[in-house]
Protein backbone atom coordinates (compact mmCIF):
# COMPACT_ATOMS: atom_id res chain seq x y z
CA UNK A 1 94.91 132.03 85.05
CA UNK A 2 94.21 132.86 81.95
CA UNK A 3 93.30 131.80 78.48
CA UNK A 4 91.78 133.89 75.73
CA UNK A 5 95.44 134.92 74.29
CA UNK A 6 95.74 131.66 72.85
CA UNK A 7 92.04 130.57 72.21
CA UNK A 8 89.90 133.91 71.81
CA UNK A 9 86.50 133.92 73.23
CA UNK A 10 85.08 131.53 72.93
CA UNK A 11 82.29 131.87 74.65
CA UNK A 12 80.67 128.37 76.12
CA UNK A 13 84.19 126.42 76.14
CA UNK A 14 86.33 128.83 77.42
CA UNK A 15 85.81 127.81 81.55
CA UNK A 16 86.38 124.06 80.41
CA UNK A 17 89.57 124.86 77.92
CA UNK A 18 91.23 127.29 80.81
CA UNK A 19 90.89 124.61 83.67
CA UNK A 20 91.96 121.88 81.30
CA UNK A 21 94.83 123.69 80.20
CA UNK A 22 95.92 124.32 83.94
CA UNK A 23 94.45 120.85 86.51
CA UNK A 24 97.40 119.85 86.10
CA UNK A 25 99.07 122.75 88.73
CA UNK A 26 95.80 122.36 90.92
CA UNK A 27 96.19 121.58 94.50
CA UNK A 28 92.61 120.10 96.95
CA UNK A 29 91.64 123.58 98.11
CA UNK A 30 93.08 125.97 95.74
CA UNK A 31 90.12 128.99 95.46
CA UNK A 32 88.66 129.35 91.84
CA UNK A 33 87.32 132.99 90.40
CA UNK A 34 86.33 131.89 86.64
CA UNK A 35 84.05 134.94 84.90
CA UNK A 36 83.35 134.20 81.21
CA UNK A 37 81.19 136.57 79.29
CA UNK A 38 79.23 135.86 75.61
CA UNK A 39 77.53 137.94 73.33
CA UNK A 40 76.09 140.59 73.94
CA UNK A 41 76.02 141.59 77.60
CA UNK A 42 75.74 137.48 78.01
CA UNK A 43 78.13 136.72 81.46
CA UNK A 44 78.73 134.90 83.94
CA UNK A 45 81.12 134.22 87.36
CA UNK A 46 81.41 132.02 90.04
CA UNK A 47 83.58 130.74 93.37
CA UNK A 48 84.51 127.26 94.06
CA UNK A 49 87.30 125.06 95.84
CA UNK A 50 88.95 123.19 93.30
CA UNK A 51 88.35 119.24 95.72
CA UNK A 52 90.95 116.77 94.02
CA UNK A 53 94.42 116.83 92.85
CA UNK A 54 95.18 118.01 89.47
CA UNK A 55 99.08 116.04 89.49
CA UNK A 56 97.13 112.53 89.34
CA UNK A 57 95.20 113.33 86.30
CA UNK A 58 95.99 110.92 83.83
CA UNK A 59 94.85 111.59 80.11
CA UNK A 60 93.12 108.81 77.19
CA UNK A 61 96.90 108.55 75.56
CA UNK A 62 98.33 108.44 79.21
CA UNK A 63 96.02 105.92 80.12
CA UNK A 64 95.43 103.76 76.65
CA UNK A 65 99.90 103.80 77.00
CA UNK A 66 100.22 105.77 73.49
CA UNK A 67 103.22 108.46 73.34
CA UNK A 68 101.72 112.05 72.45
């Protein structure tokens, strides 16, 4: 899951944007290594075990019955 080509380096928003783009394909137990970098020598990474079924995620528009 990579999104830098789509959005560029969005620093603090990189991981949330990537998760939003891919969450419907994630399933409980999937393991994700999330890494991001910011200005200068700032970087971070973590390993996460996904805990819910992304296929069941609904958007606000879907909840309100609006078409996208």
